Amino acid sequence: MSYAPTVPRNHDNLQVESAALLASRGLLGQIGFMSRTMSAAAAVVDFPGALEAVVGEGERVVIERSGMAVAAIVSLADLEALRRIEDEADLEAVRLAKAEGGDSIPYEQVRKELGLA
């Protein structure tokens, strides 16, 4: 089964925005941007082909259900790059929160107020 390279539906600017974000993080050369779209049913039938597209050809495979993108199969390099970006975003959120100042709330108090303790 063959898959035509496409831009994921409903995400017209996703690759451009992703490229800009990755370039700003020095990660642009580490991952590719071609993606292939396939239905969930096709992914079940030809998972080895989808995996080969990712591992062997450097593609991302976007899985659709009822014409809507719902998941993706990506390389380990893509996943690691995403984790680094998420970690950087988390650290930036912490820096911003600390810069706001104010009183800190003990963790146990937050858990109790949220009904988690």
PDB file of N, CA and C in Angstrom:
ATOM      1  N   MET A   1       0.850  -1.171   0.000  1.00  0.00           N
ATOM      2  CA  MET A   1       0.000   0.000   0.000  1.00  0.00           C
ATOM      3  C   MET A   1       0.895   1.234   0.000  1.00  0.00           C
ATOM      4  N   SER A   2       0.573   2.218  -0.822  1.00  0.00           N
ATOM      5  CA  SER A   2       1.397   3.424  -0.862  1.00  0.00           C
ATOM      6  C   SER A   2       0.628   4.593  -0.256  1.00  0.00           C
ATOM      7  N   TYR A   3       1.342   5.558   0.221  1.00  0.00           N
ATOM      8  CA  TYR A   3       0.753   6.714   0.873  1.00  0.00           C
ATOM      9  C   TYR A   3       1.309   7.958   0.221  1.00  0.00           C
ATOM     10  N   ALA A   4       0.427   8.865  -0.151  1.00  0.00           N
ATOM     11  CA  ALA A   4       0.871  10.110  -0.775  1.00  0.00           C
ATOM     12  C   ALA A   4       1.300  11.090   0.305  1.00  0.00           C
ATOM     13  N   PRO A   5       2.493  11.709   0.179  1.00  0.00           N
ATOM     14  CA  PRO A   5       2.896  12.721   1.153  1.00  0.00           C
ATOM     15  C   PRO A   5       1.914  13.882   1.140  1.00  0.00           C
ATOM     16  N   THR A   6       1.507  14.301   2.313  1.00  0.00           N
ATOM     17  CA  THR A   6       0.547  15.400   2.427  1.00  0.00           C
ATOM     18  C   THR A   6       0.870  16.242   3.639  1.00  0.00           C
ATOM     19  N   VAL A   7       0.244  17.391   3.704  1.00  0.00           N
ATOM     20  CA  VAL A   7       0.223  18.183   4.926  1.00  0.00           C
ATOM     21  C   VAL A   7      -1.008  17.717   5.680  1.00  0.00           C
ATOM     22  N   PRO A   8      -0.917  17.467   6.995  1.00  0.00           N
ATOM     23  CA  PRO A   8      -2.076  16.995   7.728  1.00  0.00           C
ATOM     24  C   PRO A   8      -3.274  17.924   7.533  1.00  0.00           C
ATOM     25  N   ARG A   9      -4.448  17.347   7.330  1.00  0.00           N
ATOM     26  CA  ARG A   9      -5.659  18.133   7.161  1.00  0.00           C
ATOM     27  C   ARG A   9      -5.947  18.943   8.413  1.00  0.00           C
ATOM     28  N   ASN A  10      -6.586  20.081   8.222  1.00  0.00           N
ATOM     29  CA  ASN A  10      -6.954  20.980   9.319  1.00  0.00           C
ATOM     30  C   ASN A  10      -5.741  21.610  10.001  1.00  0.00           C
ATOM     31  N   HIS A  11      -4.574  21.496   9.396  1.00  0.00           N
ATOM     32  CA  HIS A  11      -3.365  22.063   9.983  1.00  0.00           C
ATOM     33  C   HIS A  11      -2.532  22.719   8.891  1.00  0.00           C
ATOM     34  N   ASP A  12      -3.148  23.611   8.110  1.00  0.00           N
ATOM     35  CA  ASP A  12      -2.475  24.187   6.951  1.00  0.00           C
ATOM     36  C   ASP A  12      -1.132  24.819   7.281  1.00  0.00           C
ATOM     37  N   ASN A  13      -1.027  25.518   8.400  1.00  0.00           N
ATOM     38  CA  ASN A  13       0.200  26.219   8.741  1.00  0.00           C
ATOM     39  C   ASN A  13       1.061  25.454   9.738  1.00  0.00           C
ATOM     40  N   LEU A  14       0.658  24.244  10.075  1.00  0.00           N
ATOM     41  CA  LEU A  14       1.363  23.489  11.102  1.00  0.00           C
ATOM     42  C   LEU A  14       2.831  23.297  10.769  1.00  0.00           C
ATOM     43  N   GLN A  15       3.144  22.889   9.551  1.00  0.00           N
ATOM     44  CA  GLN A  15       4.542  22.627   9.216  1.00  0.00           C
ATOM     45  C   GLN A  15       5.361  23.906   9.199  1.00  0.00           C
ATOM     46  N   VAL A  16       4.785  25.003   8.717  1.00  0.00           N
ATOM     47  CA  VAL A  16       5.509  26.272   8.707  1.00  0.00           C
ATOM     48  C   VAL A  16       5.768  26.740  10.131  1.00  0.00           C
ATOM     49  N   GLU A  17       4.733  26.675  10.982  1.00  0.00           N
ATOM     50  CA  GLU A  17       4.901  27.079  12.382  1.00  0.00           C
ATOM     51  C   GLU A  17       5.876  26.162  13.100  1.00  0.00           C
ATOM     52  N   SER A  18       5.782  24.869  12.846  1.00  0.00           N
ATOM     53  CA  SER A  18       6.701  23.920  13.473  1.00  0.00           C
ATOM     54  C   SER A  18       8.133  24.196  13.049  1.00  0.00           C
ATOM     55  N   ALA A  19       8.335  24.477  11.770  1.00  0.00           N
ATOM     56  CA  ALA A  19       9.683  24.758  11.272  1.00  0.00           C
ATOM     57  C   ALA A  19      10.252  25.993  11.954  1.00  0.00           C
ATOM     58  N   ALA A  20       9.444  27.033  12.105  1.00  0.00           N
ATOM     59  CA  ALA A  20       9.915  28.253  12.757  1.00  0.00           C
ATOM     60  C   ALA A  20      10.273  27.984  14.209  1.00  0.00           C
ATOM     61  N   LEU A  21       9.430  27.223  14.916  1.00  0.00           N
ATOM     62  CA  LEU A  21       9.696  26.917  16.319  1.00  0.00           C
ATOM     63  C   LEU A  21      10.952  26.066  16.457  1.00  0.00           C
ATOM     64  N   LEU A  22      11.073  25.036  15.627  1.00  0.00           N
ATOM     65  CA  LEU A  22      12.253  24.173  15.711  1.00  0.00           C
ATOM     66  C   LEU A  22      13.523  24.916  15.330  1.00  0.00           C
ATOM     67  N   ALA A  23      13.433  25.800  14.338  1.00  0.00           N
ATOM     68  CA  ALA A  23      14.596  26.593  13.948  1.00  0.00           C
ATOM     69  C   ALA A  23      15.036  27.472  15.104  1.00  0.00           C
ATOM     70  N   SER A  24      14.073  28.056  15.822  1.00  0.00           N
ATOM     71  CA  SER A  24      14.416  28.916  16.951  1.00  0.00           C
ATOM     72  C   SER A  24      15.062  28.127  18.088  1.00  0.00           C
ATOM     73  N   ARG A  25      14.839  26.826  18.135  1.00  0.00           N
ATOM     74  CA  ARG A  25      15.403  25.969  19.170  1.00  0.00           C
ATOM     75  C   ARG A  25      16.647  25.225  18.685  1.00  0.00           C
ATOM     76  N   GLY A  26      17.070  25.485  17.432  1.00  0.00           N
ATOM     77  CA  GLY A  26      18.236  24.809  16.886  1.00  0.00           C
ATOM     78  C   GLY A  26      17.988  23.348  16.565  1.00  0.00           C
ATOM     79  N   LEU A  27      16.732  22.972  16.341  1.00  0.00           N
ATOM     80  CA  LEU A  27      16.393  21.579  16.112  1.00  0.00           C
ATOM     81  C   LEU A  27      15.942  21.294  14.684  1.00  0.00           C
ATOM     82  N   LEU A  28      15.920  22.299  13.828  1.00  0.00           N
ATOM     83  CA  LEU A  28      15.328  22.148  12.497  1.00  0.00           C
ATOM     84  C   LEU A  28      15.975  21.040  11.695  1.00  0.00           C
ATOM     85  N   GLY A  29      17.284  20.926  11.728  1.00  0.00           N
ATOM     86  CA  GLY A  29      17.949  19.912  10.923  1.00  0.00           C
ATOM     87  C   GLY A  29      17.799  18.507  11.462  1.00  0.00           C
ATOM     88  N   GLN A  30      17.244  18.356  12.656  1.00  0.00           N
ATOM     89  CA  GLN A  30      17.193  17.050  13.287  1.00  0.00           C
ATOM     90  C   GLN A  30      15.998  16.206  12.862  1.00  0.00           C
ATOM     91  N   ILE A  31      14.929  16.833  12.361  1.00  0.00           N
ATOM     92  CA  ILE A  31      13.756  16.055  11.992  1.00  0.00           C
ATOM     93  C   ILE A  31      13.207  16.512  10.663  1.00  0.00           C
ATOM     94  N   GLY A  32      12.505  15.643   9.990  1.00  0.00           N
ATOM     95  CA  GLY A  32      11.940  15.941   8.683  1.00  0.00           C
ATOM     96  C   GLY A  32      10.532  16.479   8.794  1.00  0.00           C
ATOM     97  N   PHE A  33       9.991  16.939   7.630  1.00  0.00           N
ATOM     98  CA  PHE A  33       8.668  17.527   7.662  1.00  0.00           C
ATOM     99  C   PHE A  33       7.665  16.888   6.735  1.00  0.00           C
ATOM    100  N   MET A  34       8.064  15.901   5.957  1.00  0.00           N
ATOM    101  CA  MET A  34       7.093  15.248   5.094  1.00  0.00           C
ATOM    102  C   MET A  34       6.205  14.361   5.953  1.00  0.00           C
ATOM    103  N   SER A  35       4.923  14.345   5.636  1.00  0.00           N
ATOM    104  CA  SER A  35       4.031  13.442   6.347  1.00  0.00           C
ATOM    105  C   SER A  35       3.142  12.734   5.347  1.00  0.00           C
ATOM    106  N   ARG A  36       2.681  11.595   5.756  1.00  0.00           N
ATOM    107  CA  ARG A  36       1.762  10.804   4.960  1.00  0.00           C
ATOM    108  C   ARG A  36       0.513  10.612   5.795  1.00  0.00           C
ATOM    109  N   THR A  37      -0.609  10.625   5.148  1.00  0.00           N
ATOM    110  CA  THR A  37      -1.876  10.466   5.845  1.00  0.00           C
ATOM    111  C   THR A  37      -2.485   9.132   5.465  1.00  0.00           C
ATOM    112  N   MET A  38      -3.001   8.419   6.471  1.00  0.00           N
ATOM    113  CA  MET A  38      -3.691   7.166   6.192  1.00  0.00           C
ATOM    114  C   MET A  38      -4.826   6.996   7.192  1.00  0.00           C
ATOM    115  N   SER A  39      -5.812   6.244   6.805  1.00  0.00           N
ATOM    116  CA  SER A  39      -6.942   5.994   7.695  1.00  0.00           C
ATOM    117  C   SER A  39      -6.515   5.041   8.805  1.00  0.00           C
ATOM    118  N   ALA A  40      -7.270   5.050   9.885  1.00  0.00           N
ATOM    119  CA  ALA A  40      -6.985   4.132  10.988  1.00  0.00           C
ATOM    120  C   ALA A  40      -7.096   2.687  10.507  1.00  0.00           C
ATOM    121  N   ALA A  41      -8.075   2.417   9.663  1.00  0.00           N
ATOM    122  CA  ALA A  41      -8.244   1.056   9.141  1.00  0.00           C
ATOM    123  C   ALA A  41      -7.023   0.636   8.325  1.00  0.00           C
ATOM    124  N   ALA A  42      -6.509   1.537   7.483  1.00  0.00           N
ATOM    125  CA  ALA A  42      -5.327   1.227   6.693  1.00  0.00           C
ATOM    126  C   ALA A  42      -4.110   1.028   7.591  1.00  0.00           C
ATOM    127  N   ALA A  43      -4.036   1.793   8.679  1.00  0.00           N
ATOM    128  CA  ALA A  43      -2.912   1.651   9.613  1.00  0.00           C
ATOM    129  C   ALA A  43      -2.923   0.276  10.273  1.00  0.00           C
ATOM    130  N   VAL A  44      -4.108  -0.229  10.560  1.00  0.00           N
ATOM    131  CA  VAL A  44      -4.215  -1.561  11.159  1.00  0.00           C
ATOM    132  C   VAL A  44      -3.767  -2.626  10.158  1.00  0.00           C
ATOM    133  N   VAL A  45      -4.211  -2.478   8.923  1.00  0.00           N
ATOM    134  CA  VAL A  45      -3.899  -3.460   7.889  1.00  0.00           C
ATOM    135  C   VAL A  45      -2.427  -3.428   7.512  1.00  0.00           C
ATOM    136  N   ASP A  46      -1.856  -2.230   7.425  1.00  0.00           N
ATOM    137  CA  ASP A  46      -0.473  -2.108   6.937  1.00  0.00           C
ATOM    138  C   ASP A  46       0.417  -1.369   7.934  1.00  0.00           C
ATOM    139  N   PHE A  47       0.365  -1.778   9.195  1.00  0.00           N
ATOM    140  CA  PHE A  47       1.239  -1.145  10.187  1.00  0.00           C
ATOM    141  C   PHE A  47       2.712  -1.283   9.819  1.00  0.00           C
ATOM    142  N   PRO A  48       3.159  -2.445   9.320  1.00  0.00           N
ATOM    143  CA  PRO A  48       4.572  -2.530   8.927  1.00  0.00           C
ATOM    144  C   PRO A  48       4.943  -1.495   7.864  1.00  0.00           C
ATOM    145  N   GLY A  49       4.053  -1.225   6.929  1.00  0.00           N
ATOM    146  CA  GLY A  49       4.325  -0.228   5.901  1.00  0.00           C
ATOM    147  C   GLY A  49       4.392   1.175   6.483  1.00  0.00           C
ATOM    148  N   ALA A  50       3.484   1.462   7.422  1.00  0.00           N
ATOM    149  CA  ALA A  50       3.501   2.770   8.084  1.00  0.00           C
ATOM    150  C   ALA A  50       4.788   2.938   8.890  1.00  0.00           C
ATOM    151  N   LEU A  51       5.177   1.885   9.596  1.00  0.00           N
ATOM    152  CA  LEU A  51       6.400   1.943  10.389  1.00  0.00           C
ATOM    153  C   LEU A  51       7.624   2.115   9.495  1.00  0.00           C
ATOM    154  N   GLU A  52       7.643   1.444   8.360  1.00  0.00           N
ATOM    155  CA  GLU A  52       8.761   1.595   7.431  1.00  0.00           C
ATOM    156  C   GLU A  52       8.828   3.016   6.885  1.00  0.00           C
ATOM    157  N   ALA A  53       7.665   3.638   6.642  1.00  0.00           N
ATOM    158  CA  ALA A  53       7.652   5.028   6.174  1.00  0.00           C
ATOM    159  C   ALA A  53       8.320   5.935   7.197  1.00  0.00           C
ATOM    160  N   VAL A  54       8.078   5.662   8.480  1.00  0.00           N
ATOM    161  CA  VAL A  54       8.661   6.485   9.550  1.00  0.00           C
ATOM    162  C   VAL A  54      10.135   6.169   9.737  1.00  0.00           C
ATOM    163  N   VAL A  55      10.446   4.909   9.936  1.00  0.00           N
ATOM    164  CA  VAL A  55      11.818   4.503  10.254  1.00  0.00           C
ATOM    165  C   VAL A  55      12.722   4.537   9.026  1.00  0.00           C
ATOM    166  N   GLY A  56      12.250   3.991   7.926  1.00  0.00           N
ATOM    167  CA  GLY A  56      13.089   3.853   6.753  1.00  0.00           C
ATOM    168  C   GLY A  56      13.140   5.073   5.857  1.00  0.00           C
ATOM    169  N   GLU A  57      12.052   5.845   5.830  1.00  0.00           N
ATOM    170  CA  GLU A  57      11.975   6.967   4.908  1.00  0.00           C
ATOM    171  C   GLU A  57      11.945   8.328   5.596  1.00  0.00           C
ATOM    172  N   GLY A  58      11.924   8.332   6.928  1.00  0.00           N
ATOM    173  CA  GLY A  58      11.948   9.595   7.655  1.00  0.00           C
ATOM    174  C   GLY A  58      10.653  10.384   7.580  1.00  0.00           C
ATOM    175  N   GLU A  59       9.558   9.716   7.301  1.00  0.00           N
ATOM    176  CA  GLU A  59       8.258  10.375   7.200  1.00  0.00           C
ATOM    177  C   GLU A  59       7.564  10.391   8.548  1.00  0.00           C
ATOM    178  N   ARG A  60       6.529  11.205   8.648  1.00  0.00           N
ATOM    179  CA  ARG A  60       5.569  11.145   9.748  1.00  0.00           C
ATOM    180  C   ARG A  60       4.295  10.582   9.146  1.00  0.00           C
ATOM    181  N   VAL A  61       3.629   9.702   9.846  1.00  0.00           N
ATOM    182  CA  VAL A  61       2.379   9.134   9.342  1.00  0.00           C
ATOM    183  C   VAL A  61       1.248   9.650  10.223  1.00  0.00           C
ATOM    184  N   VAL A  62       0.358  10.412   9.614  1.00  0.00           N
ATOM    185  CA  VAL A  62      -0.793  10.959  10.323  1.00  0.00           C
ATOM    186  C   VAL A  62      -1.951   9.989  10.129  1.00  0.00           C
ATOM    187  N   ILE A  63      -2.548   9.577  11.237  1.00  0.00           N
ATOM    188  CA  ILE A  63      -3.649   8.626  11.211  1.00  0.00           C
ATOM    189  C   ILE A  63      -4.962   9.396  11.321  1.00  0.00           C
ATOM    190  N   GLU A  64      -5.882   9.086  10.422  1.00  0.00           N
ATOM    191  CA  GLU A  64      -7.179   9.760  10.419  1.00  0.00           C
ATOM    192  C   GLU A  64      -8.294   8.784  10.747  1.00  0.00           C
ATOM    193  N   ARG A  65      -9.288   9.298  11.445  1.00  0.00           N
ATOM    194  CA  ARG A  65     -10.514   8.563  11.704  1.00  0.00           C
ATOM    195  C   ARG A  65     -11.648   9.449  11.219  1.00  0.00           C
ATOM    196  N   SER A  66     -12.468   8.949  10.332  1.00  0.00           N
ATOM    197  CA  SER A  66     -13.570   9.722   9.746  1.00  0.00           C
ATOM    198  C   SER A  66     -13.077  11.031   9.147  1.00  0.00           C
ATOM    199  N   GLY A  67     -11.900  10.986   8.524  1.00  0.00           N
ATOM    200  CA  GLY A  67     -11.357  12.159   7.851  1.00  0.00           C
ATOM    201  C   GLY A  67     -10.698  13.189   8.752  1.00  0.00           C
ATOM    202  N   MET A  68     -10.639  12.921  10.051  1.00  0.00           N
ATOM    203  CA  MET A  68     -10.019  13.853  11.001  1.00  0.00           C
ATOM    204  C   MET A  68      -8.709  13.263  11.519  1.00  0.00           C
ATOM    205  N   ALA A  69      -7.659  14.066  11.529  1.00  0.00           N
ATOM    206  CA  ALA A  69      -6.377  13.623  12.066  1.00  0.00           C
ATOM    207  C   ALA A  69      -6.529  13.398  13.569  1.00  0.00           C
ATOM    208  N   VAL A  70      -6.199  12.190  14.027  1.00  0.00           N
ATOM    209  CA  VAL A  70      -6.374  11.850  15.438  1.00  0.00           C
ATOM    210  C   VAL A  70      -5.097  11.372  16.115  1.00  0.00           C
ATOM    211  N   ALA A  71      -4.101  10.986  15.331  1.00  0.00           N
ATOM    212  CA  ALA A  71      -2.862  10.465  15.919  1.00  0.00           C
ATOM    213  C   ALA A  71      -1.768  10.537  14.860  1.00  0.00           C
ATOM    214  N   ALA A  72      -0.557  10.235  15.307  1.00  0.00           N
ATOM    215  CA  ALA A  72       0.559  10.211  14.364  1.00  0.00           C
ATOM    216  C   ALA A  72       1.588   9.193  14.821  1.00  0.00           C
ATOM    217  N   ILE A  73       2.251   8.618  13.852  1.00  0.00           N
ATOM    218  CA  ILE A  73       3.405   7.758  14.121  1.00  0.00           C
ATOM    219  C   ILE A  73       4.610   8.584  13.710  1.00  0.00           C
ATOM    220  N   VAL A  74       5.504   8.830  14.661  1.00  0.00           N
ATOM    221  CA  VAL A  74       6.663   9.677  14.396  1.00  0.00           C
ATOM    222  C   VAL A  74       7.932   8.955  14.831  1.00  0.00           C
ATOM    223  N   SER A  75       9.049   9.435  14.342  1.00  0.00           N
ATOM    224  CA  SER A  75      10.329   8.839  14.707  1.00  0.00           C
ATOM    225  C   SER A  75      10.676   9.170  16.154  1.00  0.00           C
ATOM    226  N   LEU A  76      11.586   8.411  16.681  1.00  0.00           N
ATOM    227  CA  LEU A  76      12.070   8.674  18.031  1.00  0.00           C
ATOM    228  C   LEU A  76      12.732  10.050  18.100  1.00  0.00           C
ATOM    229  N   ALA A  77      13.424  10.454  17.028  1.00  0.00           N
ATOM    230  CA  ALA A  77      14.046  11.785  16.990  1.00  0.00           C
ATOM    231  C   ALA A  77      12.985  12.874  17.090  1.00  0.00           C
ATOM    232  N   ASP A  78      11.857  12.698  16.386  1.00  0.00           N
ATOM    233  CA  ASP A  78      10.756  13.667  16.484  1.00  0.00           C
ATOM    234  C   ASP A  78      10.221  13.728  17.906  1.00  0.00           C
ATOM    235  N   LEU A  79      10.021  12.565  18.510  1.00  0.00           N
ATOM    236  CA  LEU A  79       9.488  12.516  19.874  1.00  0.00           C
ATOM    237  C   LEU A  79      10.442  13.187  20.856  1.00  0.00           C
ATOM    238  N   GLU A  80      11.719  12.917  20.723  1.00  0.00           N
ATOM    239  CA  GLU A  80      12.702  13.528  21.618  1.00  0.00           C
ATOM    240  C   GLU A  80      12.753  15.046  21.430  1.00  0.00           C
ATOM    241  N   ALA A  81      12.656  15.509  20.180  1.00  0.00           N
ATOM    242  CA  ALA A  81      12.628  16.954  19.919  1.00  0.00           C
ATOM    243  C   ALA A  81      11.389  17.578  20.547  1.00  0.00           C
ATOM    244  N   LEU A  82      10.259  16.918  20.431  1.00  0.00           N
ATOM    245  CA  LEU A  82       9.022  17.417  21.040  1.00  0.00           C
ATOM    246  C   LEU A  82       9.158  17.484  22.556  1.00  0.00           C
ATOM    247  N   ARG A  83       9.749  16.470  23.141  1.00  0.00           N
ATOM    248  CA  ARG A  83       9.950  16.475  24.599  1.00  0.00           C
ATOM    249  C   ARG A  83      10.854  17.636  25.025  1.00  0.00           C
ATOM    250  N   ARG A  84      11.916  17.900  24.244  1.00  0.00           N
ATOM    251  CA  ARG A  84      12.798  19.022  24.583  1.00  0.00           C
ATOM    252  C   ARG A  84      12.042  20.349  24.506  1.00  0.00           C
ATOM    253  N   ILE A  85      11.212  20.499  23.482  1.00  0.00           N
ATOM    254  CA  ILE A  85      10.424  21.729  23.342  1.00  0.00           C
ATOM    255  C   ILE A  85       9.452  21.867  24.510  1.00  0.00           C
ATOM    256  N   GLU A  86       8.794  20.772  24.885  1.00  0.00           N
ATOM    257  CA  GLU A  86       7.872  20.809  26.020  1.00  0.00           C
ATOM    258  C   GLU A  86       8.610  21.159  27.309  1.00  0.00           C
ATOM    259  N   ASP A  87       9.792  20.556  27.508  1.00  0.00           N
ATOM    260  CA  ASP A  87      10.576  20.856  28.707  1.00  0.00           C
ATOM    261  C   ASP A  87      10.958  22.331  28.757  1.00  0.00           C
ATOM    262  N   GLU A  88      11.366  22.885  27.606  1.00  0.00           N
ATOM    263  CA  GLU A  88      11.709  24.309  27.557  1.00  0.00           C
ATOM    264  C   GLU A  88      10.498  25.178  27.880  1.00  0.00           C
ATOM    265  N   ALA A  89       9.336  24.805  27.365  1.00  0.00           N
ATOM    266  CA  ALA A  89       8.115  25.563  27.641  1.00  0.00           C
ATOM    267  C   ALA A  89       7.772  25.486  29.122  1.00  0.00           C
ATOM    268  N   ASP A  90       7.928  24.314  29.722  1.00  0.00           N
ATOM    269  CA  ASP A  90       7.661  24.165  31.154  1.00  0.00           C
ATOM    270  C   ASP A  90       8.612  25.027  31.983  1.00  0.00           C
ATOM    271  N   LEU A  91       9.885  25.014  31.611  1.00  0.00           N
ATOM    272  CA  LEU A  91      10.865  25.828  32.344  1.00  0.00           C
ATOM    273  C   LEU A  91      10.560  27.317  32.209  1.00  0.00           C
ATOM    274  N   GLU A  92      10.148  27.735  31.024  1.00  0.00           N
ATOM    275  CA  GLU A  92       9.783  29.137  30.816  1.00  0.00           C
ATOM    276  C   GLU A  92       8.571  29.508  31.663  1.00  0.00           C
ATOM    277  N   ALA A  93       7.594  28.605  31.763  1.00  0.00           N
ATOM    278  CA  ALA A  93       6.417  28.865  32.600  1.00  0.00           C
ATOM    279  C   ALA A  93       6.822  29.011  34.069  1.00  0.00           C
ATOM    280  N   VAL A  94       7.769  28.194  34.518  1.00  0.00           N
ATOM    281  CA  VAL A  94       8.258  28.290  35.897  1.00  0.00           C
ATOM    282  C   VAL A  94       8.963  29.626  36.107  1.00  0.00           C
ATOM    283  N   ARG A  95       9.814  30.010  35.146  1.00  0.00           N
ATOM    284  CA  ARG A  95      10.517  31.295  35.261  1.00  0.00           C
ATOM    285  C   ARG A  95       9.525  32.460  35.333  1.00  0.00           C
ATOM    286  N   LEU A  96       8.500  32.425  34.507  1.00  0.00           N
ATOM    287  CA  LEU A  96       7.495  33.493  34.514  1.00  0.00           C
ATOM    288  C   LEU A  96       6.722  33.509  35.821  1.00  0.00           C
ATOM    289  N   ALA A  97       6.374  32.341  36.327  1.00  0.00           N
ATOM    290  CA  ALA A  97       5.640  32.267  37.589  1.00  0.00           C
ATOM    291  C   ALA A  97       6.486  32.808  38.734  1.00  0.00           C
ATOM    292  N   LYS A  98       7.764  32.466  38.745  1.00  0.00           N
ATOM    293  CA  LYS A  98       8.652  32.960  39.796  1.00  0.00           C
ATOM    294  C   LYS A  98       8.829  34.472  39.696  1.00  0.00           C
ATOM    295  N   ALA A  99       8.861  34.989  38.466  1.00  0.00           N
ATOM    296  CA  ALA A  99       9.042  36.427  38.264  1.00  0.00           C
ATOM    297  C   ALA A  99       7.828  37.224  38.736  1.00  0.00           C
ATOM    298  N   GLU A 100       6.652  36.592  38.767  1.00  0.00           N
ATOM    299  CA  GLU A 100       5.444  37.275  39.241  1.00  0.00           C
ATOM    300  C   GLU A 100       5.536  37.612  40.721  1.00  0.00           C
ATOM    301  N   GLY A 101       6.308  36.829  41.438  1.00  0.00           N
ATOM    302  CA  GLY A 101       6.438  37.061  42.868  1.00  0.00           C
ATOM    303  C   GLY A 101       5.204  36.578  43.611  1.00  0.00           C
ATOM    304  N   GLY A 102       4.983  37.142  44.784  1.00  0.00           N
ATOM    305  CA  GLY A 102       3.828  36.726  45.579  1.00  0.00           C
ATOM    306  C   GLY A 102       4.175  35.559  46.478  1.00  0.00           C
ATOM    307  N   ASP A 103       3.209  35.204  47.285  1.00  0.00           N
ATOM    308  CA  ASP A 103       3.394  34.108  48.228  1.00  0.00           C
ATOM    309  C   ASP A 103       3.282  32.769  47.518  1.00  0.00           C
ATOM    310  N   SER A 104       4.144  31.846  47.889  1.00  0.00           N
ATOM    311  CA  SER A 104       4.032  30.504  47.342  1.00  0.00           C
ATOM    312  C   SER A 104       3.094  29.696  48.234  1.00  0.00           C
ATOM    313  N   ILE A 105       2.479  28.697  47.664  1.00  0.00           N
ATOM    314  CA  ILE A 105       1.536  27.847  48.387  1.00  0.00           C
ATOM    315  C   ILE A 105       2.157  26.464  48.483  1.00  0.00           C
ATOM    316  N   PRO A 106       2.230  25.918  49.688  1.00  0.00           N
ATOM    317  CA  PRO A 106       2.809  24.578  49.838  1.00  0.00           C
ATOM    318  C   PRO A 106       2.040  23.540  49.016  1.00  0.00           C
ATOM    319  N   TYR A 107       2.763  22.595  48.472  1.00  0.00           N
ATOM    320  CA  TYR A 107       2.201  21.550  47.616  1.00  0.00           C
ATOM    321  C   TYR A 107       1.062  20.810  48.310  1.00  0.00           C
ATOM    322  N   GLU A 108       1.258  20.422  49.553  1.00  0.00           N
ATOM    323  CA  GLU A 108       0.226  19.678  50.277  1.00  0.00           C
ATOM    324  C   GLU A 108      -1.051  20.496  50.423  1.00  0.00           C
ATOM    325  N   GLN A 109      -0.932  21.807  50.587  1.00  0.00           N
ATOM    326  CA  GLN A 109      -2.114  22.662  50.691  1.00  0.00           C
ATOM    327  C   GLN A 109      -2.881  22.678  49.360  1.00  0.00           C
ATOM    328  N   VAL A 110      -2.158  22.752  48.272  1.00  0.00           N
ATOM    329  CA  VAL A 110      -2.792  22.722  46.952  1.00  0.00           C
ATOM    330  C   VAL A 110      -3.512  21.389  46.755  1.00  0.00           C
ATOM    331  N   ARG A 111      -2.859  20.287  47.081  1.00  0.00           N
ATOM    332  CA  ARG A 111      -3.487  18.967  46.956  1.00  0.00           C
ATOM    333  C   ARG A 111      -4.765  18.902  47.782  1.00  0.00           C
ATOM    334  N   LYS A 112      -4.720  19.416  48.997  1.00  0.00           N
ATOM    335  CA  LYS A 112      -5.889  19.372  49.872  1.00  0.00           C
ATOM    336  C   LYS A 112      -7.022  20.221  49.291  1.00  0.00           C
ATOM    337  N   GLU A 113      -6.707  21.420  48.802  1.00  0.00           N
ATOM    338  CA  GLU A 113      -7.719  22.300  48.232  1.00  0.00           C
ATOM    339  C   GLU A 113      -8.347  21.709  46.984  1.00  0.00           C
ATOM    340  N   LEU A 114      -7.593  20.907  46.252  1.00  0.00           N
ATOM    341  CA  LEU A 114      -8.105  20.280  45.041  1.00  0.00           C
ATOM    342  C   LEU A 114      -8.749  18.906  45.322  1.00  0.00           C
ATOM    343  N   GLY A 115      -8.775  18.517  46.582  1.00  0.00           N
ATOM    344  CA  GLY A 115      -9.371  17.237  46.941  1.00  0.00           C
ATOM    345  C   GLY A 115      -8.524  16.043  46.556  1.00  0.00           C
ATOM    346  N   LEU A 116      -7.218  16.256  46.450  1.00  0.00           N
ATOM    347  CA  LEU A 116      -6.316  15.185  46.063  1.00  0.00           C
ATOM    348  C   LEU A 116      -5.574  14.575  47.244  1.00  0.00           C
ATOM    349  N   ALA A 117      -5.723  15.146  48.404  1.00  0.00           N
ATOM    350  CA  ALA A 117      -4.989  14.660  49.576  1.00  0.00           C
ATOM    351  C   ALA A 117      -5.838  13.727  50.404  1.00  0.00           C
TER     352      ALA A 117
END
